[in-house]
Protein backbone atom coordinates (compact mmCIF):
# COMPACT_ATOMS: atom_id res chain seq x y z
CA MET A 1 6.40 27.53 32.47
CA LYS A 2 9.31 28.58 34.65
CA PHE A 3 12.75 26.99 34.40
CA LYS A 4 14.69 27.20 37.64
CA LYS A 5 18.28 26.33 38.31
CA THR A 6 18.98 23.46 40.64
CA SER A 7 20.43 23.79 44.10
CA LEU A 8 23.86 22.61 43.00
CA PRO A 9 26.50 24.05 45.34
CA SER A 10 28.68 26.71 43.73
CA THR A 11 31.81 25.97 45.72
CA CYS A 12 33.32 22.99 47.47
CA SER A 13 33.01 24.83 50.79
CA ASP A 14 29.28 24.10 50.65
CA CYS A 15 30.08 20.41 51.16
CA SER A 16 30.82 20.96 54.83
CA ASP A 17 27.36 22.39 55.45
CA ARG A 18 25.12 20.06 53.45
CA ALA A 19 25.13 17.11 51.10
CA MET A 20 25.79 17.97 47.48
CA ASN A 21 22.66 17.76 45.34
CA PHE A 22 23.39 17.13 41.67
CA SER A 23 19.82 16.30 40.65
CA LEU A 24 17.77 18.24 38.12
CA ASN A 25 14.45 19.71 39.11
CA GLU A 26 11.21 18.37 37.63
CA VAL A 27 11.04 20.80 34.72
CA GLN A 28 14.68 20.28 33.79
CA SER A 29 14.14 16.51 33.86
CA MET A 30 11.17 16.94 31.53
CA LEU A 31 13.32 19.05 29.22
CA ALA A 32 16.05 16.40 29.17
CA ASP A 33 13.53 13.63 28.52
CA SER A 34 11.91 15.49 25.63
CA ILE A 35 15.26 16.02 23.88
CA GLU A 36 16.37 12.43 24.48
CA LYS A 37 13.12 11.09 23.03
CA PHE A 38 13.43 13.35 20.00
CA ILE A 39 17.01 12.20 19.37
CA ALA A 40 16.05 8.54 19.76
CA ASN A 41 12.91 8.66 17.62
CA ASP A 42 13.51 11.37 15.02
CA TYR A 43 17.23 12.16 14.83
CA ASP A 44 19.27 9.04 14.21
CA PHE A 45 22.74 9.13 12.65
CA GLU A 46 21.46 8.74 9.09
CA THR A 47 19.04 11.66 9.55
CA ARG A 48 21.83 13.79 10.96
CA GLN A 49 24.01 12.99 7.96
CA GLU A 50 21.23 13.96 5.55
CA HIS A 51 20.81 17.30 7.29
CA ALA A 52 24.54 17.98 7.29
CA ALA A 53 24.87 17.12 3.59
CA SER A 54 22.02 19.43 2.52
CA LYS A 55 22.58 22.85 0.99
CA LEU A 56 21.68 24.58 4.25
CA GLY A 57 23.64 22.16 6.41
CA TYR A 58 20.60 21.64 8.64
CA SER A 59 16.85 21.00 8.37
CA ARG A 60 14.38 23.90 8.42
CA GLU A 61 11.65 21.51 9.47
CA THR A 62 13.71 20.29 12.42
CA TRP A 63 14.52 23.87 13.40
CA ARG A 64 10.80 24.69 13.44
CA THR A 65 10.29 21.65 15.65
CA PHE A 66 12.89 23.02 18.08
CA ALA A 67 10.92 26.27 18.25
CA ASP A 68 7.56 24.52 18.57
CA LEU A 69 8.88 22.45 21.48
CA GLY A 70 10.09 25.63 23.19
CA TRP A 71 13.80 24.78 23.16
CA THR A 72 14.72 28.05 21.44
CA ALA A 73 12.93 29.98 24.19
CA VAL A 74 14.53 28.30 27.20
CA PRO A 75 17.39 30.73 28.07
CA PHE A 76 15.46 33.99 27.65
CA SER A 77 13.39 35.88 30.20
CA GLU A 78 9.62 35.70 30.22
CA ASP A 79 9.48 39.42 29.38
CA ASP A 80 11.42 38.68 26.20
CA GLY A 81 9.14 35.79 25.25
CA GLY A 82 11.21 33.01 26.81
CA PHE A 83 10.92 30.57 29.68
CA GLY A 84 13.42 32.15 32.07
CA GLY A 85 15.91 29.30 32.03
CA GLY A 86 19.48 29.57 33.27
CA PRO A 87 22.91 27.99 32.80
CA VAL A 88 21.78 24.59 34.12
CA ASP A 89 18.96 24.45 31.57
CA MET A 90 21.38 25.34 28.79
CA MET A 91 23.74 22.60 30.00
CA VAL A 92 20.89 20.10 29.86
CA ILE A 93 20.07 21.05 26.27
CA MET A 94 23.59 21.16 24.91
CA GLU A 95 24.69 17.91 26.55
CA ARG A 96 21.78 16.11 24.86
CA PHE A 97 22.49 17.85 21.56
CA GLY A 98 26.03 16.55 21.85
CA ARG A 99 24.81 12.99 22.28
CA GLY A 100 22.71 13.36 19.13
CA MET A 101 25.41 15.27 17.24
CA VAL A 102 22.80 17.88 16.30
CA VAL A 103 23.80 20.14 13.38
CA GLU A 104 20.94 22.63 13.64
CA PRO A 105 22.38 26.11 14.46
CA TYR A 106 21.28 26.41 18.08
CA LEU A 107 24.65 27.75 19.20
CA ALA A 108 24.74 30.50 16.58
CA ASN A 109 21.10 31.57 16.80
CA VAL A 110 20.12 31.15 20.43
CA VAL A 111 23.34 31.27 22.45
CA LEU A 112 25.44 33.79 20.50
CA ALA A 113 23.07 36.10 18.60
CA GLY A 114 20.25 35.67 21.10
CA GLY A 115 22.66 36.20 23.97
CA ILE A 116 23.85 39.56 22.65
CA LEU A 117 20.27 40.74 22.14
CA GLN A 118 19.29 39.54 25.60
CA TYR A 119 22.14 41.37 27.30
CA ALA A 120 22.34 44.61 25.32
CA ALA A 121 19.38 45.22 22.98
CA SER A 122 16.58 47.71 23.59
CA ASP A 123 12.98 46.54 23.97
CA ALA A 124 12.24 47.61 20.39
CA GLN A 125 15.25 45.68 19.08
CA LYS A 126 14.25 42.59 21.04
CA GLN A 127 10.79 42.83 19.54
CA GLU A 128 12.27 43.13 16.05
CA TRP A 129 14.97 40.47 16.26
CA LEU A 130 14.93 38.37 19.44
CA ARG A 131 11.31 37.30 19.35
CA PRO A 132 11.61 36.04 15.72
CA ILE A 133 14.73 34.09 16.74
CA ILE A 134 12.79 32.48 19.59
CA ALA A 135 9.93 31.70 17.19
CA GLY A 136 12.34 30.03 14.77
CA GLU A 137 11.53 32.58 12.06
CA LEU A 138 14.86 34.43 11.89
CA GLN A 139 18.33 32.98 11.31
CA ALA A 140 21.03 35.05 13.03
CA THR A 141 24.60 34.83 14.24
CA LEU A 142 27.30 36.72 16.10
CA ALA A 143 30.29 37.44 13.84
CA PHE A 144 32.97 38.29 16.37
CA ALA A 145 36.16 36.37 15.47
CA GLU A 146 38.77 38.04 13.27
CA PRO A 147 41.83 36.54 11.53
CA GLN A 148 44.34 38.37 13.72
CA GLY A 149 42.40 37.94 16.97
CA ARG A 150 43.73 34.53 18.04
CA TYR A 151 40.87 33.97 20.54
CA GLU A 152 41.16 37.47 22.05
CA ILE A 153 37.68 38.84 21.45
CA ALA A 154 38.76 42.42 22.18
CA ASN A 155 41.27 42.27 19.30
CA ILE A 156 39.00 43.93 16.74
CA ALA A 157 40.25 45.58 13.57
CA THR A 158 36.78 46.05 12.05
CA VAL A 159 36.02 49.75 12.22
CA ALA A 160 32.72 51.63 12.44
CA ARG A 161 32.93 55.35 11.75
CA ALA A 162 30.15 57.85 12.30
CA ASN A 163 28.50 58.78 9.01
CA GLY A 164 25.71 61.33 9.30
CA ASN A 165 22.91 59.73 11.29
CA GLY A 166 24.46 56.27 11.08
CA TRP A 167 27.70 54.37 10.71
CA MET A 168 30.02 53.13 7.97
CA ILE A 169 31.58 49.74 8.68
CA ASN A 170 34.69 48.12 7.17
CA GLY A 171 36.40 44.90 8.19
CA VAL A 172 36.53 41.11 8.01
CA LYS A 173 35.08 38.43 10.28
CA SER A 174 36.29 34.82 10.20
CA TYR A 175 34.72 31.51 11.19
CA VAL A 176 31.20 32.89 11.50
CA LEU A 177 28.95 30.03 12.58
CA ASN A 178 25.81 29.81 10.45
CA GLY A 179 27.09 32.87 8.58
CA GLY A 180 25.97 31.72 5.16
CA ASN A 181 22.38 31.08 6.27
CA SER A 182 21.89 34.05 8.57
CA ASP A 183 19.47 36.87 7.79
CA LEU A 184 20.90 38.98 10.61
CA LEU A 185 24.56 39.51 11.40
CA ILE A 186 25.51 40.94 14.79
CA ILE A 187 29.07 42.26 14.81
CA PRO A 188 31.39 44.05 17.23
CA ALA A 189 33.28 46.92 15.61
CA ARG A 190 35.77 49.40 16.93
CA THR A 191 34.41 52.90 17.37
CA ALA A 192 37.25 54.18 19.57
CA GLY A 193 40.49 53.13 21.26
CA GLU A 194 43.34 50.85 20.24
CA GLN A 195 42.82 47.59 18.38
CA THR A 196 43.11 45.38 21.48
CA HIS A 197 41.36 47.60 24.04
CA GLN A 198 38.16 46.41 25.65
CA SER A 199 36.79 49.92 25.65
CA GLY A 200 35.78 51.40 22.33
CA ILE A 201 33.86 48.34 21.08
CA SER A 202 30.31 48.80 19.82
CA LEU A 203 27.76 46.23 18.64
CA PHE A 204 25.78 46.50 15.40
CA ALA A 205 23.01 44.52 13.72
CA ILE A 206 23.42 44.26 9.95
CA ALA A 207 21.13 42.62 7.42
CA ALA A 208 23.05 39.92 5.56
CA ASP A 209 21.86 41.24 2.18
CA SER A 210 23.10 44.79 2.83
CA ASP A 211 25.21 46.48 0.15
CA GLY A 212 28.90 45.92 0.80
CA VAL A 213 28.45 42.61 2.67
CA SER A 214 30.32 39.70 1.07
CA ILE A 215 29.84 36.16 2.43
CA ARG A 216 31.94 33.10 1.62
CA ASP A 217 30.15 30.06 3.01
CA TYR A 218 31.93 26.75 3.59
CA GLU A 219 31.51 23.38 5.27
CA THR A 220 33.54 22.71 8.40
CA VAL A 221 35.36 19.49 9.31
CA ASP A 222 32.64 18.53 11.80
CA GLY A 223 29.83 18.61 9.25
CA GLN A 224 28.55 22.04 10.16
CA ARG A 225 28.76 25.31 8.24
CA ALA A 226 30.58 28.59 8.77
CA ALA A 227 31.53 31.62 6.70
CA GLU A 228 34.05 34.37 6.20
CA ILE A 229 32.30 37.73 5.94
CA SER A 230 33.76 41.02 4.74
CA PHE A 231 32.23 44.48 5.15
CA ASN A 232 33.14 47.11 2.59
CA ASP A 233 31.64 50.55 3.32
CA VAL A 234 28.50 49.02 4.79
CA ALA A 235 26.10 51.76 5.85
CA VAL A 236 23.90 51.11 8.89
CA GLY A 237 21.45 53.41 10.61
CA SER A 238 21.72 54.58 14.20
CA ASN A 239 18.84 52.26 15.13
CA LYS A 240 21.09 49.27 14.34
CA LEU A 241 23.45 50.09 17.21
CA ILE A 242 22.92 47.57 20.02
CA GLY A 243 23.57 49.03 23.45
CA ASP A 244 25.76 52.05 24.12
CA VAL A 245 28.54 53.30 21.88
CA ASP A 246 32.01 52.11 22.98
CA HIS A 247 30.58 49.82 25.69
CA GLY A 248 29.78 46.57 23.90
CA HIS A 249 32.56 44.43 25.32
CA ALA A 250 30.73 43.30 28.45
CA ALA A 251 27.77 41.88 26.49
CA LEU A 252 30.14 40.36 23.93
CA GLN A 253 32.19 38.66 26.65
CA GLN A 254 29.08 37.31 28.37
CA ALA A 255 27.69 35.85 25.14
CA VAL A 256 31.00 34.18 24.29
CA THR A 257 31.27 32.85 27.85
CA ASP A 258 27.79 31.33 27.55
CA ALA A 259 28.76 29.79 24.21
CA THR A 260 31.97 28.37 25.67
CA ILE A 261 30.08 26.63 28.46
CA ALA A 262 27.50 25.44 25.93
CA VAL A 263 30.07 23.68 23.74
CA CYS A 264 31.72 22.21 26.84
CA ALA A 265 28.39 20.64 27.78
CA GLU A 266 28.05 19.41 24.19
CA ALA A 267 31.53 17.87 24.43
CA VAL A 268 30.65 16.05 27.65
CA GLY A 269 27.61 14.57 25.91
CA ILE A 270 29.78 13.41 23.00
CA MET A 271 32.39 11.87 25.31
CA ARG A 272 29.65 9.95 27.11
CA VAL A 273 28.38 8.48 23.84
CA LEU A 274 31.87 7.56 22.61
CA THR A 275 32.69 5.85 25.89
CA ASP A 276 29.45 3.86 25.91
CA LYS A 277 29.79 2.87 22.26
CA THR A 278 33.39 1.76 22.73
CA ILE A 279 32.59 -0.37 25.78
CA GLU A 280 29.66 -1.98 23.97
CA TYR A 281 31.78 -2.63 20.88
CA SER A 282 34.47 -4.30 22.99
CA LYS A 283 31.87 -6.74 24.30
CA ASN A 284 30.71 -7.75 20.83
CA ARG A 285 33.94 -7.70 18.80
CA SER A 286 35.81 -10.98 19.11
CA GLN A 287 39.43 -11.80 18.39
CA PHE A 288 41.26 -15.05 19.10
CA GLY A 289 37.88 -16.49 20.04
CA VAL A 290 37.12 -14.06 22.88
CA PRO A 291 35.64 -10.53 23.11
CA ILE A 292 38.33 -7.88 22.90
CA GLY A 293 36.87 -6.35 26.04
CA SER A 294 38.42 -9.21 27.97
CA PHE A 295 41.92 -7.98 27.13
CA GLN A 296 43.36 -6.23 30.16
CA ALA A 297 45.23 -3.63 28.12
CA LEU A 298 42.00 -2.50 26.45
CA GLN A 299 40.18 -2.55 29.78
CA HIS A 300 42.72 -0.09 31.17
CA ARG A 301 42.25 2.20 28.20
CA MET A 302 38.47 2.16 28.52
CA VAL A 303 38.77 2.90 32.23
CA GLU A 304 40.80 5.98 31.29
CA MET A 305 38.05 7.01 28.87
CA TYR A 306 35.40 6.58 31.53
CA THR A 307 37.45 8.48 34.11
CA ALA A 308 38.07 11.39 31.71
CA CYS A 309 34.36 11.52 30.95
CA GLU A 310 33.36 11.57 34.62
CA GLN A 311 35.98 14.19 35.51
CA SER A 312 34.73 16.41 32.68
CA HIS A 313 31.13 16.05 33.79
CA SER A 314 31.96 16.90 37.40
CA LEU A 315 34.00 19.93 36.41
CA LEU A 316 31.20 21.04 34.08
CA LEU A 317 28.73 21.02 36.99
CA TRP A 318 31.09 23.11 39.09
CA ALA A 319 31.79 25.54 36.25
CA VAL A 320 28.12 26.04 35.39
CA MET A 321 27.14 26.86 38.96
CA THR A 322 30.22 28.99 39.61
CA LEU A 323 29.55 31.08 36.51
CA ALA A 324 25.87 31.36 37.40
CA ASP A 325 26.76 32.75 40.83
CA GLY A 326 29.56 35.01 39.57
CA GLY A 327 32.39 35.87 41.89
CA ASP A 328 36.16 35.58 41.79
CA ASP A 329 36.21 31.95 40.62
CA ALA A 330 34.09 32.53 37.49
CA SER A 331 37.00 33.15 35.14
CA ARG A 332 38.99 30.23 36.56
CA ALA A 333 35.98 27.95 36.15
CA LEU A 334 35.57 28.92 32.50
CA HIS A 335 39.21 28.30 31.59
CA SER A 336 39.33 25.09 33.64
CA ILE A 337 36.38 23.40 31.98
CA LYS A 338 37.43 24.41 28.45
CA TYR A 339 40.93 23.06 29.07
CA GLN A 340 39.48 19.88 30.54
CA VAL A 341 37.15 19.08 27.64
CA GLY A 342 39.94 19.87 25.19
CA THR A 343 42.36 17.38 26.72
CA ALA A 344 39.78 14.79 27.75
CA GLY A 345 38.00 15.04 24.42
CA LYS A 346 41.22 14.29 22.57
CA LEU A 347 41.90 11.26 24.76
CA VAL A 348 38.38 9.84 24.54
CA GLY A 349 38.10 10.47 20.79
CA GLU A 350 41.44 8.91 19.94
CA GLU A 351 40.82 5.86 22.11
CA ALA A 352 37.35 5.34 20.64
CA VAL A 353 38.72 5.43 17.11
CA GLN A 354 41.68 3.18 17.87
CA ILE A 355 39.70 0.54 19.77
CA HIS A 356 37.17 0.41 16.93
CA GLY A 357 40.09 -0.24 14.59
CA GLY A 358 40.09 0.72 10.90
CA MET A 359 36.32 1.19 10.83
CA GLY A 360 36.74 3.92 13.44
CA VAL A 361 37.75 6.41 10.75
CA THR A 362 35.19 5.45 8.11
CA TRP A 363 32.51 7.86 6.93
CA GLU A 364 29.78 5.32 7.62
CA LEU A 365 30.51 4.96 11.34
CA ASP A 366 29.27 7.67 13.68
CA VAL A 367 32.34 7.36 15.94
CA ALA A 368 34.49 9.23 13.42
CA HIS A 369 31.98 12.09 13.20
CA TYR A 370 31.72 12.41 16.97
CA PHE A 371 35.52 12.68 17.09
CA LYS A 372 35.50 15.37 14.40
CA ARG A 373 33.02 17.43 16.40
CA LEU A 374 35.11 17.01 19.56
CA THR A 375 38.16 18.19 17.61
CA ALA A 376 36.32 21.29 16.40
CA ILE A 377 35.06 22.08 19.91
CA GLY A 378 38.65 21.89 21.14
CA GLN A 379 39.57 24.77 18.83
CA ILE A 380 36.66 27.20 19.06
CA PHE A 381 36.47 29.83 21.83
CA GLY A 382 40.09 29.12 22.73
CA ASN A 383 42.14 25.94 22.49
CA THR A 384 43.76 24.09 25.40
CA ASP A 385 47.04 26.03 25.22
CA TRP A 386 45.22 29.37 25.28
CA HIS A 387 43.04 28.48 28.26
CA LEU A 388 45.96 26.94 30.14
CA ASP A 389 47.89 30.18 29.65
CA LYS A 390 44.91 32.13 31.00
CA LEU A 391 44.81 29.87 34.05
CA ALA A 392 48.51 30.39 34.64
CA THR A 393 48.14 34.16 34.58
């Protein structure tokens, strides 16, 4: 099965030559339908809550189902055991996962860890680690963020020093998605250069149970799990180096870029659900003998929600295709969409909660949990202020 990207135009200049085609191809439509049916039939809000409250923070059985259905294989090349999907296919998946508020660690395993292996690993390393990730047999993550980094992924204080035929690693990684459940930790460490330089960064694969690895697992505000991981004289062999020494930044940046777009697509899916749920609630909730949706003030607020949702979706389409094609606008597209979903997500989430009234913040109502996930997405991979500053410069 071959996943192909759609013929979405990459720039607005294409509009003058032909009509804009925003439709998915047949295979992408089948992928979207399969996820939507799974969410509707097997992943309701109560099931999601059970998974989130478990010791793992997700369901192993559900994760195996993801692998059996081929979703974990979508973004990887056929040579690596995947289906050869692209950014549009990833957008399709993550937008539907957002609608279902999926807690299974797709972002950590497939997008982040799998992305690094796809871009930088040798064939032998892909055979050892990437194929088990695709098969749903290996839990992995990319531990790249550090306490002092403040969203700058090149700001790395973790150090790897040559030690005989291998390396000795010391440092701390913060907010590691799926860190407590991962068997494999992929980390960037500084092997040369100054702390903030892009050059001098190397990538290593470390078993989570290695001597000197300390993991503090915790639950996040959005019902998922993350960890703080410290490395104290952790010895790794030369075969655990991914890619070339001192040249890991490019693969790291690409994986984080993919992850940023992925959570933006997830956010758009969440905003769509919150908007639909709020409109439906306003039709059924009565006050003073009439539905509250008949109040003009609330109508205006829901129109703003709908507009923010549509703007975010349109910008997401442009960003996905611009990043897929590369070019000078790629960086601007990335910062634009992350800023947009941060600001729009805040507006849509707050309005959904407020229009639902006091029940909008209760544990039993899914609206509150959607808003929590939107809030978390607004902070990871750069918040609105950080991306706005990047756009300005």
